[in-house]
Amino acid sequence: KNLKKYFREIHGSPHSKIQHIKKIKKKYNFKNSDLIFIGDSISDYEAAKKNNLDFILKANSENIKIKQLLKKQNVLILYNYKKLQNLLN
């Protein structure tokens, strides 16, 4: 996807998303306004909201119901990563 240059780290299991966010914020001394959480699930959205982070939903064929729900919350929905590259440039 040619996005690696935009990330310092990528995190996954076994730690929770909420734990990852707290660890990253502390390690790099980030403020909430410095971060954006990009995810494709309701648990991603909830972790972002629990930590007061902006959230972008990466839409796919499996999260149609989540997309409909989050659209009502005025969440930015990303259909492909090229749009993200345009937003970051």
PDB file of N, CA and C in Angstrom:
ATOM      1  N   LYS A   1       0.820  -1.200   0.000  1.00  0.00           N
ATOM      2  CA  LYS A   1       0.000   0.000   0.000  1.00  0.00           C
ATOM      3  C   LYS A   1       0.863   1.264   0.000  1.00  0.00           C
ATOM      4  N   ASN A   2       2.147   1.142   0.202  1.00  0.00           N
ATOM      5  CA  ASN A   2       3.081   2.264   0.152  1.00  0.00           C
ATOM      6  C   ASN A   2       2.774   3.332   1.211  1.00  0.00           C
ATOM      7  N   LEU A   3       2.379   2.901   2.406  1.00  0.00           N
ATOM      8  CA  LEU A   3       2.046   3.837   3.481  1.00  0.00           C
ATOM      9  C   LEU A   3       3.037   3.797   4.638  1.00  0.00           C
ATOM     10  N   LYS A   4       3.997   2.897   4.591  1.00  0.00           N
ATOM     11  CA  LYS A   4       4.915   2.686   5.714  1.00  0.00           C
ATOM     12  C   LYS A   4       5.596   3.979   6.170  1.00  0.00           C
ATOM     13  N   LYS A   5       5.863   4.866   5.244  1.00  0.00           N
ATOM     14  CA  LYS A   5       6.554   6.107   5.598  1.00  0.00           C
ATOM     15  C   LYS A   5       5.739   6.993   6.531  1.00  0.00           C
ATOM     16  N   TYR A   6       4.434   6.748   6.629  1.00  0.00           N
ATOM     17  CA  TYR A   6       3.574   7.561   7.473  1.00  0.00           C
ATOM     18  C   TYR A   6       3.454   7.049   8.905  1.00  0.00           C
ATOM     19  N   PHE A   7       4.059   5.907   9.202  1.00  0.00           N
ATOM     20  CA  PHE A   7       3.897   5.276  10.513  1.00  0.00           C
ATOM     21  C   PHE A   7       5.234   5.040  11.186  1.00  0.00           C
ATOM     22  N   ARG A   8       5.281   5.249  12.493  1.00  0.00           N
ATOM     23  CA  ARG A   8       6.458   4.908  13.289  1.00  0.00           C
ATOM     24  C   ARG A   8       6.375   3.465  13.764  1.00  0.00           C
ATOM     25  N   GLU A   9       5.157   3.046  14.132  1.00  0.00           N
ATOM     26  CA  GLU A   9       4.931   1.711  14.672  1.00  0.00           C
ATOM     27  C   GLU A   9       3.549   1.231  14.250  1.00  0.00           C
ATOM     28  N   ILE A  10       3.385  -0.075  14.220  1.00  0.00           N
ATOM     29  CA  ILE A  10       2.077  -0.695  13.992  1.00  0.00           C
ATOM     30  C   ILE A  10       1.903  -1.743  15.076  1.00  0.00           C
ATOM     31  N   HIS A  11       0.762  -1.729  15.742  1.00  0.00           N
ATOM     32  CA  HIS A  11       0.543  -2.598  16.898  1.00  0.00           C
ATOM     33  C   HIS A  11      -0.631  -3.536  16.688  1.00  0.00           C
ATOM     34  N   GLY A  12      -0.584  -4.674  17.379  1.00  0.00           N
ATOM     35  CA  GLY A  12      -1.660  -5.661  17.317  1.00  0.00           C
ATOM     36  C   GLY A  12      -1.727  -6.458  18.596  1.00  0.00           C
ATOM     37  N   SER A  13      -2.306  -7.633  18.516  1.00  0.00           N
ATOM     38  CA  SER A  13      -2.481  -8.523  19.673  1.00  0.00           C
ATOM     39  C   SER A  13      -1.121  -8.904  20.238  1.00  0.00           C
ATOM     40  N   PRO A  14      -1.027  -9.238  21.499  1.00  0.00           N
ATOM     41  CA  PRO A  14      -2.089  -9.613  22.429  1.00  0.00           C
ATOM     42  C   PRO A  14      -2.607  -8.444  23.263  1.00  0.00           C
ATOM     43  N   HIS A  15      -1.974  -7.266  23.218  1.00  0.00           N
ATOM     44  CA  HIS A  15      -2.431  -6.147  24.041  1.00  0.00           C
ATOM     45  C   HIS A  15      -3.667  -5.494  23.431  1.00  0.00           C
ATOM     46  N   SER A  16      -4.440  -4.860  24.293  1.00  0.00           N
ATOM     47  CA  SER A  16      -5.662  -4.204  23.814  1.00  0.00           C
ATOM     48  C   SER A  16      -5.302  -2.913  23.080  1.00  0.00           C
ATOM     49  N   LYS A  17      -6.218  -2.476  22.284  1.00  0.00           N
ATOM     50  CA  LYS A  17      -6.034  -1.232  21.536  1.00  0.00           C
ATOM     51  C   LYS A  17      -5.897  -0.054  22.487  1.00  0.00           C
ATOM     52  N   ILE A  18      -6.662  -0.098  23.556  1.00  0.00           N
ATOM     53  CA  ILE A  18      -6.586   0.974  24.548  1.00  0.00           C
ATOM     54  C   ILE A  18      -5.201   1.008  25.186  1.00  0.00           C
ATOM     55  N   GLN A  19      -4.632  -0.157  25.489  1.00  0.00           N
ATOM     56  CA  GLN A  19      -3.278  -0.228  26.056  1.00  0.00           C
ATOM     57  C   GLN A  19      -2.246   0.296  25.065  1.00  0.00           C
ATOM     58  N   HIS A  20      -2.385  -0.064  23.798  1.00  0.00           N
ATOM     59  CA  HIS A  20      -1.449   0.421  22.780  1.00  0.00           C
ATOM     60  C   HIS A  20      -1.467   1.945  22.692  1.00  0.00           C
ATOM     61  N   ILE A  21      -2.650   2.511  22.701  1.00  0.00           N
ATOM     62  CA  ILE A  21      -2.760   3.964  22.602  1.00  0.00           C
ATOM     63  C   ILE A  21      -2.067   4.631  23.782  1.00  0.00           C
ATOM     64  N   LYS A  22      -2.331   4.156  24.982  1.00  0.00           N
ATOM     65  CA  LYS A  22      -1.721   4.732  26.182  1.00  0.00           C
ATOM     66  C   LYS A  22      -0.196   4.624  26.120  1.00  0.00           C
ATOM     67  N   LYS A  23       0.303   3.471  25.681  1.00  0.00           N
ATOM     68  CA  LYS A  23       1.749   3.252  25.587  1.00  0.00           C
ATOM     69  C   LYS A  23       2.388   4.193  24.554  1.00  0.00           C
ATOM     70  N   ILE A  24       1.759   4.341  23.416  1.00  0.00           N
ATOM     71  CA  ILE A  24       2.286   5.211  22.358  1.00  0.00           C
ATOM     72  C   ILE A  24       2.293   6.665  22.818  1.00  0.00           C
ATOM     73  N   LYS A  25       1.197   7.094  23.436  1.00  0.00           N
ATOM     74  CA  LYS A  25       1.120   8.472  23.909  1.00  0.00           C
ATOM     75  C   LYS A  25       2.234   8.768  24.915  1.00  0.00           C
ATOM     76  N   LYS A  26       2.461   7.828  25.812  1.00  0.00           N
ATOM     77  CA  LYS A  26       3.491   8.021  26.833  1.00  0.00           C
ATOM     78  C   LYS A  26       4.895   7.970  26.219  1.00  0.00           C
ATOM     79  N   LYS A  27       5.153   6.980  25.376  1.00  0.00           N
ATOM     80  CA  LYS A  27       6.477   6.790  24.785  1.00  0.00           C
ATOM     81  C   LYS A  27       6.930   8.006  23.976  1.00  0.00           C
ATOM     82  N   TYR A  28       6.019   8.572  23.200  1.00  0.00           N
ATOM     83  CA  TYR A  28       6.381   9.682  22.309  1.00  0.00           C
ATOM     84  C   TYR A  28       5.908  11.040  22.825  1.00  0.00           C
ATOM     85  N   ASN A  29       5.322  11.051  24.021  1.00  0.00           N
ATOM     86  CA  ASN A  29       4.806  12.282  24.600  1.00  0.00           C
ATOM     87  C   ASN A  29       3.819  12.979  23.658  1.00  0.00           C
ATOM     88  N   PHE A  30       2.935  12.178  23.053  1.00  0.00           N
ATOM     89  CA  PHE A  30       1.921  12.705  22.142  1.00  0.00           C
ATOM     90  C   PHE A  30       0.726  13.241  22.906  1.00  0.00           C
ATOM     91  N   LYS A  31       0.132  14.270  22.355  1.00  0.00           N
ATOM     92  CA  LYS A  31      -1.169  14.753  22.812  1.00  0.00           C
ATOM     93  C   LYS A  31      -2.219  14.059  21.949  1.00  0.00           C
ATOM     94  N   ASN A  32      -3.448  14.057  22.407  1.00  0.00           N
ATOM     95  CA  ASN A  32      -4.524  13.445  21.617  1.00  0.00           C
ATOM     96  C   ASN A  32      -4.622  14.073  20.236  1.00  0.00           C
ATOM     97  N   SER A  33      -4.396  15.369  20.156  1.00  0.00           N
ATOM     98  CA  SER A  33      -4.510  16.075  18.879  1.00  0.00           C
ATOM     99  C   SER A  33      -3.403  15.700  17.891  1.00  0.00           C
ATOM    100  N   ASP A  34      -2.363  15.009  18.363  1.00  0.00           N
ATOM    101  CA  ASP A  34      -1.269  14.563  17.494  1.00  0.00           C
ATOM    102  C   ASP A  34      -1.584  13.256  16.780  1.00  0.00           C
ATOM    103  N   LEU A  35      -2.643  12.560  17.200  1.00  0.00           N
ATOM    104  CA  LEU A  35      -2.894  11.198  16.752  1.00  0.00           C
ATOM    105  C   LEU A  35      -4.223  11.056  16.017  1.00  0.00           C
ATOM    106  N   ILE A  36      -4.253  10.099  15.091  1.00  0.00           N
ATOM    107  CA  ILE A  36      -5.470   9.679  14.404  1.00  0.00           C
ATOM    108  C   ILE A  36      -5.496   8.164  14.457  1.00  0.00           C
ATOM    109  N   PHE A  37      -6.613   7.603  14.845  1.00  0.00           N
ATOM    110  CA  PHE A  37      -6.774   6.156  14.879  1.00  0.00           C
ATOM    111  C   PHE A  37      -7.504   5.738  13.600  1.00  0.00           C
ATOM    112  N   ILE A  38      -6.890   4.883  12.812  1.00  0.00           N
ATOM    113  CA  ILE A  38      -7.502   4.353  11.598  1.00  0.00           C
ATOM    114  C   ILE A  38      -7.836   2.895  11.867  1.00  0.00           C
ATOM    115  N   GLY A  39      -9.091   2.528  11.674  1.00  0.00           N
ATOM    116  CA  GLY A  39      -9.482   1.156  11.937  1.00  0.00           C
ATOM    117  C   GLY A  39     -10.671   0.736  11.107  1.00  0.00           C
ATOM    118  N   ASP A  40     -11.006  -0.551  11.233  1.00  0.00           N
ATOM    119  CA  ASP A  40     -12.101  -1.082  10.424  1.00  0.00           C
ATOM    120  C   ASP A  40     -13.159  -1.802  11.260  1.00  0.00           C
ATOM    121  N   SER A  41     -13.138  -1.577  12.570  1.00  0.00           N
ATOM    122  CA  SER A  41     -14.095  -2.271  13.427  1.00  0.00           C
ATOM    123  C   SER A  41     -14.668  -1.332  14.473  1.00  0.00           C
ATOM    124  N   ILE A  42     -15.753  -1.759  15.061  1.00  0.00           N
ATOM    125  CA  ILE A  42     -16.379  -0.967  16.122  1.00  0.00           C
ATOM    126  C   ILE A  42     -15.463  -0.896  17.338  1.00  0.00           C
ATOM    127  N   SER A  43     -14.680  -1.950  17.585  1.00  0.00           N
ATOM    128  CA  SER A  43     -13.743  -1.906  18.721  1.00  0.00           C
ATOM    129  C   SER A  43     -12.640  -0.874  18.474  1.00  0.00           C
ATOM    130  N   ASP A  44     -12.253  -0.670  17.223  1.00  0.00           N
ATOM    131  CA  ASP A  44     -11.288   0.385  16.897  1.00  0.00           C
ATOM    132  C   ASP A  44     -11.877   1.752  17.225  1.00  0.00           C
ATOM    133  N   TYR A  45     -13.111   1.952  16.792  1.00  0.00           N
ATOM    134  CA  TYR A  45     -13.805   3.219  17.048  1.00  0.00           C
ATOM    135  C   TYR A  45     -13.934   3.464  18.551  1.00  0.00           C
ATOM    136  N   GLU A  46     -14.324   2.438  19.288  1.00  0.00           N
ATOM    137  CA  GLU A  46     -14.503   2.578  20.734  1.00  0.00           C
ATOM    138  C   GLU A  46     -13.184   2.882  21.447  1.00  0.00           C
ATOM    139  N   ALA A  47     -12.096   2.253  21.011  1.00  0.00           N
ATOM    140  CA  ALA A  47     -10.784   2.529  21.605  1.00  0.00           C
ATOM    141  C   ALA A  47     -10.368   3.971  21.332  1.00  0.00           C
ATOM    142  N   ALA A  48     -10.626   4.446  20.126  1.00  0.00           N
ATOM    143  CA  ALA A  48     -10.304   5.838  19.791  1.00  0.00           C
ATOM    144  C   ALA A  48     -11.114   6.796  20.654  1.00  0.00           C
ATOM    145  N   LYS A  49     -12.408   6.548  20.750  1.00  0.00           N
ATOM    146  CA  LYS A  49     -13.271   7.435  21.530  1.00  0.00           C
ATOM    147  C   LYS A  49     -12.917   7.397  23.014  1.00  0.00           C
ATOM    148  N   LYS A  50     -12.585   6.215  23.525  1.00  0.00           N
ATOM    149  CA  LYS A  50     -12.212   6.074  24.943  1.00  0.00           C
ATOM    150  C   LYS A  50     -10.961   6.907  25.260  1.00  0.00           C
ATOM    151  N   ASN A  51     -10.110   7.086  24.251  1.00  0.00           N
ATOM    152  CA  ASN A  51      -8.877   7.854  24.411  1.00  0.00           C
ATOM    153  C   ASN A  51      -8.963   9.256  23.806  1.00  0.00           C
ATOM    154  N   ASN A  52     -10.164   9.673  23.445  1.00  0.00           N
ATOM    155  CA  ASN A  52     -10.388  11.014  22.886  1.00  0.00           C
ATOM    156  C   ASN A  52      -9.558  11.291  21.633  1.00  0.00           C
ATOM    157  N   LEU A  53      -9.478  10.295  20.754  1.00  0.00           N
ATOM    158  CA  LEU A  53      -8.738  10.443  19.498  1.00  0.00           C
ATOM    159  C   LEU A  53      -9.689  10.577  18.326  1.00  0.00           C
ATOM    160  N   ASP A  54      -9.253  11.294  17.305  1.00  0.00           N
ATOM    161  CA  ASP A  54      -9.995  11.311  16.056  1.00  0.00           C
ATOM    162  C   ASP A  54      -9.913   9.919  15.446  1.00  0.00           C
ATOM    163  N   PHE A  55     -10.951   9.553  14.698  1.00  0.00           N
ATOM    164  CA  PHE A  55     -11.038   8.214  14.135  1.00  0.00           C
ATOM    165  C   PHE A  55     -11.411   8.283  12.664  1.00  0.00           C
ATOM    166  N   ILE A  56     -10.770   7.439  11.865  1.00  0.00           N
ATOM    167  CA  ILE A  56     -11.113   7.249  10.455  1.00  0.00           C
ATOM    168  C   ILE A  56     -11.464   5.787  10.268  1.00  0.00           C
ATOM    169  N   LEU A  57     -12.629   5.528   9.702  1.00  0.00           N
ATOM    170  CA  LEU A  57     -13.041   4.155   9.415  1.00  0.00           C
ATOM    171  C   LEU A  57     -12.523   3.748   8.044  1.00  0.00           C
ATOM    172  N   LYS A  58     -11.793   2.643   7.980  1.00  0.00           N
ATOM    173  CA  LYS A  58     -11.380   2.051   6.702  1.00  0.00           C
ATOM    174  C   LYS A  58     -12.488   1.099   6.286  1.00  0.00           C
ATOM    175  N   ALA A  59     -13.296   1.523   5.339  1.00  0.00           N
ATOM    176  CA  ALA A  59     -14.428   0.721   4.886  1.00  0.00           C
ATOM    177  C   ALA A  59     -13.946  -0.495   4.105  1.00  0.00           C
ATOM    178  N   ASN A  60     -14.673  -1.578   4.279  1.00  0.00           N
ATOM    179  CA  ASN A  60     -14.420  -2.786   3.493  1.00  0.00           C
ATOM    180  C   ASN A  60     -15.741  -3.534   3.331  1.00  0.00           C
ATOM    181  N   SER A  61     -15.711  -4.640   2.638  1.00  0.00           N
ATOM    182  CA  SER A  61     -16.948  -5.369   2.347  1.00  0.00           C
ATOM    183  C   SER A  61     -17.547  -6.045   3.582  1.00  0.00           C
ATOM    184  N   GLU A  62     -16.782  -6.130   4.673  1.00  0.00           N
ATOM    185  CA  GLU A  62     -17.262  -6.816   5.867  1.00  0.00           C
ATOM    186  C   GLU A  62     -17.773  -5.873   6.961  1.00  0.00           C
ATOM    187  N   ASN A  63     -17.597  -4.564   6.807  1.00  0.00           N
ATOM    188  CA  ASN A  63     -18.023  -3.666   7.881  1.00  0.00           C
ATOM    189  C   ASN A  63     -19.109  -2.683   7.427  1.00  0.00           C
ATOM    190  N   ILE A  64     -19.998  -3.149   6.599  1.00  0.00           N
ATOM    191  CA  ILE A  64     -21.069  -2.312   6.058  1.00  0.00           C
ATOM    192  C   ILE A  64     -21.972  -1.765   7.174  1.00  0.00           C
ATOM    193  N   LYS A  65     -22.348  -2.610   8.140  1.00  0.00           N
ATOM    194  CA  LYS A  65     -23.210  -2.152   9.232  1.00  0.00           C
ATOM    195  C   LYS A  65     -22.509  -1.096  10.084  1.00  0.00           C
ATOM    196  N   ILE A  66     -21.223  -1.303  10.347  1.00  0.00           N
ATOM    197  CA  ILE A  66     -20.442  -0.334  11.121  1.00  0.00           C
ATOM    198  C   ILE A  66     -20.368   0.981  10.345  1.00  0.00           C
ATOM    199  N   LYS A  67     -20.164   0.880   9.049  1.00  0.00           N
ATOM    200  CA  LYS A  67     -20.089   2.071   8.204  1.00  0.00           C
ATOM    201  C   LYS A  67     -21.378   2.877   8.314  1.00  0.00           C
ATOM    202  N   GLN A  68     -22.512   2.209   8.262  1.00  0.00           N
ATOM    203  CA  GLN A  68     -23.804   2.896   8.354  1.00  0.00           C
ATOM    204  C   GLN A  68     -23.960   3.574   9.720  1.00  0.00           C
ATOM    205  N   LEU A  69     -23.556   2.889  10.778  1.00  0.00           N
ATOM    206  CA  LEU A  69     -23.646   3.439  12.126  1.00  0.00           C
ATOM    207  C   LEU A  69     -22.739   4.655  12.294  1.00  0.00           C
ATOM    208  N   LEU A  70     -21.485   4.531  11.849  1.00  0.00           N
ATOM    209  CA  LEU A  70     -20.515   5.605  12.066  1.00  0.00           C
ATOM    210  C   LEU A  70     -20.743   6.788  11.138  1.00  0.00           C
ATOM    211  N   LYS A  71     -21.372   6.552  10.011  1.00  0.00           N
ATOM    212  CA  LYS A  71     -21.719   7.652   9.109  1.00  0.00           C
ATOM    213  C   LYS A  71     -22.617   8.640   9.846  1.00  0.00           C
ATOM    214  N   LYS A  72     -23.509   8.134  10.681  1.00  0.00           N
ATOM    215  CA  LYS A  72     -24.403   8.981  11.474  1.00  0.00           C
ATOM    216  C   LYS A  72     -23.639   9.769  12.535  1.00  0.00           C
ATOM    217  N   GLN A  73     -22.442   9.288  12.898  1.00  0.00           N
ATOM    218  CA  GLN A  73     -21.601   9.960  13.894  1.00  0.00           C
ATOM    219  C   GLN A  73     -20.635  10.953  13.236  1.00  0.00           C
ATOM    220  N   ASN A  74     -20.785  11.163  11.944  1.00  0.00           N
ATOM    221  CA  ASN A  74     -19.909  12.053  11.164  1.00  0.00           C
ATOM    222  C   ASN A  74     -18.444  11.619  11.181  1.00  0.00           C
ATOM    223  N   VAL A  75     -18.229  10.312  11.191  1.00  0.00           N
ATOM    224  CA  VAL A  75     -16.880   9.760  11.128  1.00  0.00           C
ATOM    225  C   VAL A  75     -16.422   9.772   9.672  1.00  0.00           C
ATOM    226  N   LEU A  76     -15.176  10.181   9.451  1.00  0.00           N
ATOM    227  CA  LEU A  76     -14.610  10.138   8.106  1.00  0.00           C
ATOM    228  C   LEU A  76     -14.469   8.679   7.690  1.00  0.00           C
ATOM    229  N   ILE A  77     -14.943   8.351   6.506  1.00  0.00           N
ATOM    230  CA  ILE A  77     -14.877   6.979   6.012  1.00  0.00           C
ATOM    231  C   ILE A  77     -13.928   6.940   4.827  1.00  0.00           C
ATOM    232  N   LEU A  78     -12.962   6.059   4.916  1.00  0.00           N
ATOM    233  CA  LEU A  78     -11.925   5.911   3.909  1.00  0.00           C
ATOM    234  C   LEU A  78     -12.207   4.650   3.103  1.00  0.00           C
ATOM    235  N   TYR A  79     -12.349   4.796   1.810  1.00  0.00           N
ATOM    236  CA  TYR A  79     -12.653   3.641   0.967  1.00  0.00           C
ATOM    237  C   TYR A  79     -11.400   3.030   0.362  1.00  0.00           C
ATOM    238  N   ASN A  80     -10.351   3.805   0.245  1.00  0.00           N
ATOM    239  CA  ASN A  80      -9.068   3.266  -0.196  1.00  0.00           C
ATOM    240  C   ASN A  80      -7.948   4.142   0.363  1.00  0.00           C
ATOM    241  N   TYR A  81      -6.768   3.588   0.413  1.00  0.00           N
ATOM    242  CA  TYR A  81      -5.658   4.287   1.042  1.00  0.00           C
ATOM    243  C   TYR A  81      -5.117   5.434   0.196  1.00  0.00           C
ATOM    244  N   LYS A  82      -5.457   5.480  -1.059  1.00  0.00           N
ATOM    245  CA  LYS A  82      -5.018   6.604  -1.882  1.00  0.00           C
ATOM    246  C   LYS A  82      -5.619   7.903  -1.374  1.00  0.00           C
ATOM    247  N   LYS A  83      -6.866   7.838  -0.908  1.00  0.00           N
ATOM    248  CA  LYS A  83      -7.506   9.026  -0.334  1.00  0.00           C
ATOM    249  C   LYS A  83      -6.750   9.469   0.912  1.00  0.00           C
ATOM    250  N   LEU A  84      -6.292   8.523   1.706  1.00  0.00           N
ATOM    251  CA  LEU A  84      -5.518   8.859   2.911  1.00  0.00           C
ATOM    252  C   LEU A  84      -4.229   9.557   2.520  1.00  0.00           C
ATOM    253  N   GLN A  85      -3.561   9.057   1.510  1.00  0.00           N
ATOM    254  CA  GLN A  85      -2.335   9.705   1.049  1.00  0.00           C
ATOM    255  C   GLN A  85      -2.614  11.153   0.632  1.00  0.00           C
ATOM    256  N   ASN A  86      -3.733  11.394  -0.009  1.00  0.00           N
ATOM    257  CA  ASN A  86      -4.103  12.749  -0.408  1.00  0.00           C
ATOM    258  C   ASN A  86      -4.360  13.633   0.808  1.00  0.00           C
ATOM    259  N   LEU A  87      -4.988  13.076   1.851  1.00  0.00           N
ATOM    260  CA  LEU A  87      -5.249  13.837   3.059  1.00  0.00           C
ATOM    261  C   LEU A  87      -3.966  14.196   3.803  1.00  0.00           C
ATOM    262  N   LEU A  88      -2.973  13.303   3.766  1.00  0.00           N
ATOM    263  CA  LEU A  88      -1.728  13.509   4.501  1.00  0.00           C
ATOM    264  C   LEU A  88      -0.738  14.404   3.766  1.00  0.00           C
ATOM    265  N   ASN A  89      -0.889  14.524   2.498  1.00  0.00           N
ATOM    266  CA  ASN A  89       0.056  15.355   1.722  1.00  0.00           C
ATOM    267  C   ASN A  89      -0.328  16.814   1.719  1.00  0.00           C
TER     268      ASN A  89
END
